Amino acid sequence: MTLINLGDADRLGAVDVRPSGNDLTRRLPDAHYVEIAPAHHFTFIAACKPGAADMLDEEGEDPICSDPAGTDRKATHTHLVEVIADGLGL
């Protein structure tokens, strides 16, 4: 089993499976923990159109287009696919 954390586990109430959190990785048999950063919960969503982050911010919506500095969504998506495929033995 692979547990994936996108960046800051403390953001948006995410469950922290690291040893500093609930340490779920240690408590599950054969669990493997992978952290992909910089990223956050919404980084898994497809790339946003230009201006979308500002529009969402102005409307007070979730920051689904605002990634942490240095994030490359395309590279993060590629890494996620690799981690998930490896976890599934593909």
N, C-alpha and C. Protein backbone atom coordinates (compact mmCIF):
# COMPACT_ATOMS: atom_id res chain seq x y z
N MET A 1 0.84 -1.17 0.00
CA MET A 1 0.00 0.00 0.00
C MET A 1 0.89 1.23 0.00
N THR A 2 0.55 2.18 -0.85
CA THR A 2 1.29 3.42 -0.92
C THR A 2 0.41 4.57 -0.44
N LEU A 3 0.92 5.32 0.51
CA LEU A 3 0.25 6.51 1.02
C LEU A 3 0.98 7.71 0.45
N ILE A 4 0.25 8.56 -0.25
CA ILE A 4 0.85 9.71 -0.93
C ILE A 4 0.41 11.00 -0.24
N ASN A 5 1.39 11.85 0.04
CA ASN A 5 1.10 13.15 0.61
C ASN A 5 1.58 14.20 -0.38
N LEU A 6 0.68 15.09 -0.77
CA LEU A 6 1.06 16.19 -1.64
C LEU A 6 1.42 17.39 -0.78
N GLY A 7 2.70 17.58 -0.55
CA GLY A 7 3.19 18.75 0.16
C GLY A 7 2.83 18.79 1.62
N ASP A 8 2.37 19.93 2.06
CA ASP A 8 2.12 20.21 3.47
C ASP A 8 0.92 19.43 3.99
N ALA A 9 1.17 18.44 4.85
CA ALA A 9 0.10 17.61 5.39
C ALA A 9 -0.81 18.39 6.34
N ASP A 10 -0.37 19.54 6.81
CA ASP A 10 -1.18 20.32 7.74
C ASP A 10 -2.18 21.23 7.03
N ARG A 11 -2.04 21.36 5.72
CA ARG A 11 -2.89 22.29 4.96
C ARG A 11 -4.28 21.69 4.74
N LEU A 12 -5.29 22.49 4.88
CA LEU A 12 -6.68 22.13 4.58
C LEU A 12 -7.16 20.89 5.33
N GLY A 13 -6.62 20.65 6.52
CA GLY A 13 -7.10 19.55 7.35
C GLY A 13 -6.73 18.17 6.83
N ALA A 14 -5.69 18.07 6.03
CA ALA A 14 -5.27 16.77 5.51
C ALA A 14 -4.84 15.85 6.64
N VAL A 15 -5.02 14.56 6.45
CA VAL A 15 -4.58 13.58 7.44
C VAL A 15 -3.07 13.43 7.33
N ASP A 16 -2.37 13.60 8.44
CA ASP A 16 -0.92 13.50 8.46
C ASP A 16 -0.51 12.09 8.84
N VAL A 17 -0.06 11.30 7.87
CA VAL A 17 0.29 9.90 8.11
C VAL A 17 1.77 9.73 8.45
N ARG A 18 2.52 10.83 8.52
CA ARG A 18 3.94 10.78 8.86
C ARG A 18 4.13 10.41 10.33
N PRO A 19 5.37 10.04 10.71
CA PRO A 19 5.64 9.77 12.12
C PRO A 19 5.28 10.93 13.03
N SER A 20 5.38 12.16 12.53
CA SER A 20 5.04 13.33 13.34
C SER A 20 3.53 13.52 13.45
N GLY A 21 2.76 12.78 12.66
CA GLY A 21 1.30 12.86 12.69
C GLY A 21 0.73 11.61 13.38
N ASN A 22 -0.19 10.92 12.68
CA ASN A 22 -0.78 9.74 13.29
C ASN A 22 0.04 8.48 13.04
N ASP A 23 1.13 8.58 12.28
CA ASP A 23 2.07 7.48 12.02
C ASP A 23 1.38 6.26 11.40
N LEU A 24 0.37 6.51 10.58
CA LEU A 24 -0.38 5.43 9.94
C LEU A 24 0.51 4.54 9.08
N THR A 25 1.51 5.13 8.46
CA THR A 25 2.41 4.33 7.61
C THR A 25 3.05 3.20 8.40
N ARG A 26 3.51 3.48 9.60
CA ARG A 26 4.14 2.45 10.44
C ARG A 26 3.13 1.41 10.91
N ARG A 27 1.90 1.83 11.11
CA ARG A 27 0.89 0.93 11.69
C ARG A 27 0.20 0.04 10.67
N LEU A 28 0.38 0.31 9.38
CA LEU A 28 -0.23 -0.54 8.35
C LEU A 28 0.82 -1.49 7.79
N PRO A 29 0.49 -2.77 7.68
CA PRO A 29 1.46 -3.71 7.13
C PRO A 29 1.84 -3.36 5.70
N ASP A 30 3.12 -3.36 5.41
CA ASP A 30 3.65 -3.12 4.07
C ASP A 30 3.30 -1.76 3.49
N ALA A 31 3.00 -0.78 4.34
CA ALA A 31 2.69 0.56 3.84
C ALA A 31 3.97 1.29 3.47
N HIS A 32 3.87 2.10 2.45
CA HIS A 32 5.00 2.90 1.96
C HIS A 32 4.52 4.34 1.83
N TYR A 33 5.31 5.26 2.36
CA TYR A 33 4.93 6.68 2.36
C TYR A 33 5.74 7.43 1.32
N VAL A 34 5.05 8.25 0.51
CA VAL A 34 5.71 9.09 -0.48
C VAL A 34 5.18 10.51 -0.32
N GLU A 35 6.10 11.45 -0.21
CA GLU A 35 5.71 12.86 -0.16
C GLU A 35 6.17 13.53 -1.45
N ILE A 36 5.26 14.23 -2.10
CA ILE A 36 5.58 14.96 -3.33
C ILE A 36 5.43 16.44 -3.02
N ALA A 37 6.53 17.15 -3.14
CA ALA A 37 6.54 18.58 -2.82
C ALA A 37 7.48 19.31 -3.76
N PRO A 38 7.28 20.58 -3.98
CA PRO A 38 6.21 21.39 -3.41
C PRO A 38 4.88 21.09 -4.10
N ALA A 39 3.87 21.01 -3.31
CA ALA A 39 2.51 20.74 -3.79
C ALA A 39 1.56 20.93 -2.62
N HIS A 40 0.28 20.85 -2.91
CA HIS A 40 -0.73 20.76 -1.86
C HIS A 40 -1.90 19.95 -2.40
N HIS A 41 -2.92 19.81 -1.59
CA HIS A 41 -4.05 18.93 -1.92
C HIS A 41 -4.59 19.13 -3.33
N PHE A 42 -4.70 20.36 -3.79
CA PHE A 42 -5.33 20.62 -5.09
C PHE A 42 -4.38 20.47 -6.28
N THR A 43 -3.12 20.23 -6.04
CA THR A 43 -2.16 20.14 -7.14
C THR A 43 -2.46 18.96 -8.07
N PHE A 44 -3.21 17.97 -7.59
CA PHE A 44 -3.54 16.82 -8.45
C PHE A 44 -4.53 17.19 -9.55
N ILE A 45 -5.22 18.32 -9.41
CA ILE A 45 -6.20 18.76 -10.40
C ILE A 45 -5.46 19.25 -11.65
N ALA A 46 -6.12 19.15 -12.79
CA ALA A 46 -5.53 19.60 -14.06
C ALA A 46 -5.08 21.05 -13.98
N ALA A 47 -4.17 21.42 -14.86
CA ALA A 47 -3.68 22.80 -14.92
C ALA A 47 -4.85 23.76 -15.15
N CYS A 48 -4.73 24.93 -14.57
CA CYS A 48 -5.79 25.94 -14.68
C CYS A 48 -5.53 26.89 -15.84
N LYS A 49 -6.59 27.49 -16.31
CA LYS A 49 -6.48 28.48 -17.37
C LYS A 49 -5.88 29.76 -16.81
N PRO A 50 -5.22 30.56 -17.66
CA PRO A 50 -4.65 31.83 -17.19
C PRO A 50 -5.73 32.69 -16.52
N GLY A 51 -5.36 33.27 -15.39
CA GLY A 51 -6.26 34.15 -14.67
C GLY A 51 -7.21 33.44 -13.72
N ALA A 52 -7.25 32.12 -13.75
CA ALA A 52 -8.19 31.38 -12.91
C ALA A 52 -7.89 31.54 -11.42
N ALA A 53 -6.61 31.53 -11.05
CA ALA A 53 -6.25 31.67 -9.64
C ALA A 53 -6.74 32.99 -9.08
N ASP A 54 -6.54 34.08 -9.83
CA ASP A 54 -7.00 35.40 -9.37
C ASP A 54 -8.52 35.46 -9.26
N MET A 55 -9.21 34.88 -10.25
CA MET A 55 -10.67 34.88 -10.24
C MET A 55 -11.21 34.12 -9.03
N LEU A 56 -10.64 32.96 -8.75
CA LEU A 56 -11.08 32.16 -7.61
C LEU A 56 -10.81 32.89 -6.30
N ASP A 57 -9.65 33.53 -6.21
CA ASP A 57 -9.31 34.29 -5.01
C ASP A 57 -10.30 35.43 -4.80
N GLU A 58 -10.62 36.16 -5.86
CA GLU A 58 -11.58 37.27 -5.77
C GLU A 58 -12.96 36.79 -5.33
N GLU A 59 -13.34 35.58 -5.74
CA GLU A 59 -14.65 35.03 -5.38
C GLU A 59 -14.65 34.34 -4.02
N GLY A 60 -13.47 34.24 -3.40
CA GLY A 60 -13.38 33.58 -2.09
C GLY A 60 -13.50 32.07 -2.17
N GLU A 61 -13.18 31.51 -3.32
CA GLU A 61 -13.29 30.06 -3.51
C GLU A 61 -12.00 29.35 -3.07
N ASP A 62 -12.05 28.02 -3.01
CA ASP A 62 -10.87 27.24 -2.66
C ASP A 62 -9.74 27.54 -3.63
N PRO A 63 -8.50 27.51 -3.13
CA PRO A 63 -7.35 27.86 -3.96
C PRO A 63 -6.89 26.71 -4.87
N ILE A 64 -7.80 26.23 -5.71
CA ILE A 64 -7.48 25.06 -6.53
C ILE A 64 -6.47 25.34 -7.64
N CYS A 65 -6.21 26.60 -7.91
CA CYS A 65 -5.24 26.96 -8.96
C CYS A 65 -4.00 27.62 -8.39
N SER A 66 -3.89 27.71 -7.08
CA SER A 66 -2.76 28.40 -6.43
C SER A 66 -1.85 27.38 -5.76
N ASP A 67 -0.82 26.97 -6.47
CA ASP A 67 0.14 26.01 -5.92
C ASP A 67 1.24 26.74 -5.16
N PRO A 68 1.93 26.03 -4.27
CA PRO A 68 3.07 26.63 -3.59
C PRO A 68 4.15 27.04 -4.60
N ALA A 69 4.97 28.00 -4.24
CA ALA A 69 6.06 28.45 -5.11
C ALA A 69 6.93 27.27 -5.52
N GLY A 70 7.27 27.24 -6.79
CA GLY A 70 8.14 26.19 -7.29
C GLY A 70 7.44 24.94 -7.77
N THR A 71 6.11 24.90 -7.66
CA THR A 71 5.36 23.72 -8.09
C THR A 71 5.22 23.70 -9.61
N ASP A 72 5.41 22.54 -10.18
CA ASP A 72 5.19 22.31 -11.60
C ASP A 72 4.11 21.22 -11.69
N ARG A 73 2.86 21.62 -11.98
CA ARG A 73 1.77 20.65 -11.97
C ARG A 73 1.99 19.49 -12.93
N LYS A 74 2.50 19.78 -14.11
CA LYS A 74 2.73 18.71 -15.08
C LYS A 74 3.73 17.70 -14.53
N ALA A 75 4.82 18.18 -13.95
CA ALA A 75 5.82 17.29 -13.36
C ALA A 75 5.24 16.53 -12.16
N THR A 76 4.42 17.21 -11.38
CA THR A 76 3.78 16.55 -10.23
C THR A 76 2.85 15.45 -10.71
N HIS A 77 2.07 15.71 -11.76
CA HIS A 77 1.17 14.69 -12.31
C HIS A 77 1.96 13.48 -12.81
N THR A 78 3.07 13.73 -13.48
CA THR A 78 3.91 12.64 -13.97
C THR A 78 4.43 11.82 -12.79
N HIS A 79 4.90 12.50 -11.76
CA HIS A 79 5.41 11.81 -10.56
C HIS A 79 4.30 11.00 -9.89
N LEU A 80 3.10 11.57 -9.79
CA LEU A 80 1.97 10.85 -9.20
C LEU A 80 1.66 9.57 -9.97
N VAL A 81 1.62 9.66 -11.29
CA VAL A 81 1.35 8.48 -12.11
C VAL A 81 2.41 7.41 -11.86
N GLU A 82 3.67 7.81 -11.79
CA GLU A 82 4.74 6.86 -11.54
C GLU A 82 4.60 6.20 -10.18
N VAL A 83 4.32 6.99 -9.15
CA VAL A 83 4.18 6.46 -7.79
C VAL A 83 2.98 5.51 -7.70
N ILE A 84 1.86 5.90 -8.29
CA ILE A 84 0.66 5.06 -8.25
C ILE A 84 0.88 3.76 -9.04
N ALA A 85 1.48 3.87 -10.22
CA ALA A 85 1.76 2.67 -11.02
C ALA A 85 2.71 1.73 -10.27
N ASP A 86 3.73 2.29 -9.64
CA ASP A 86 4.67 1.47 -8.88
C ASP A 86 3.95 0.80 -7.71
N GLY A 87 3.11 1.54 -7.02
CA GLY A 87 2.36 0.98 -5.89
C GLY A 87 1.41 -0.13 -6.31
N LEU A 88 0.92 -0.06 -7.55
CA LEU A 88 0.03 -1.10 -8.06
C LEU A 88 0.79 -2.23 -8.76
N GLY A 89 2.11 -2.07 -8.82
CA GLY A 89 2.92 -3.10 -9.46
C GLY A 89 2.79 -3.10 -10.98
N LEU A 90 2.50 -1.94 -11.57
CA LEU A 90 2.35 -1.84 -13.02
C LEU A 90 3.65 -1.45 -13.70
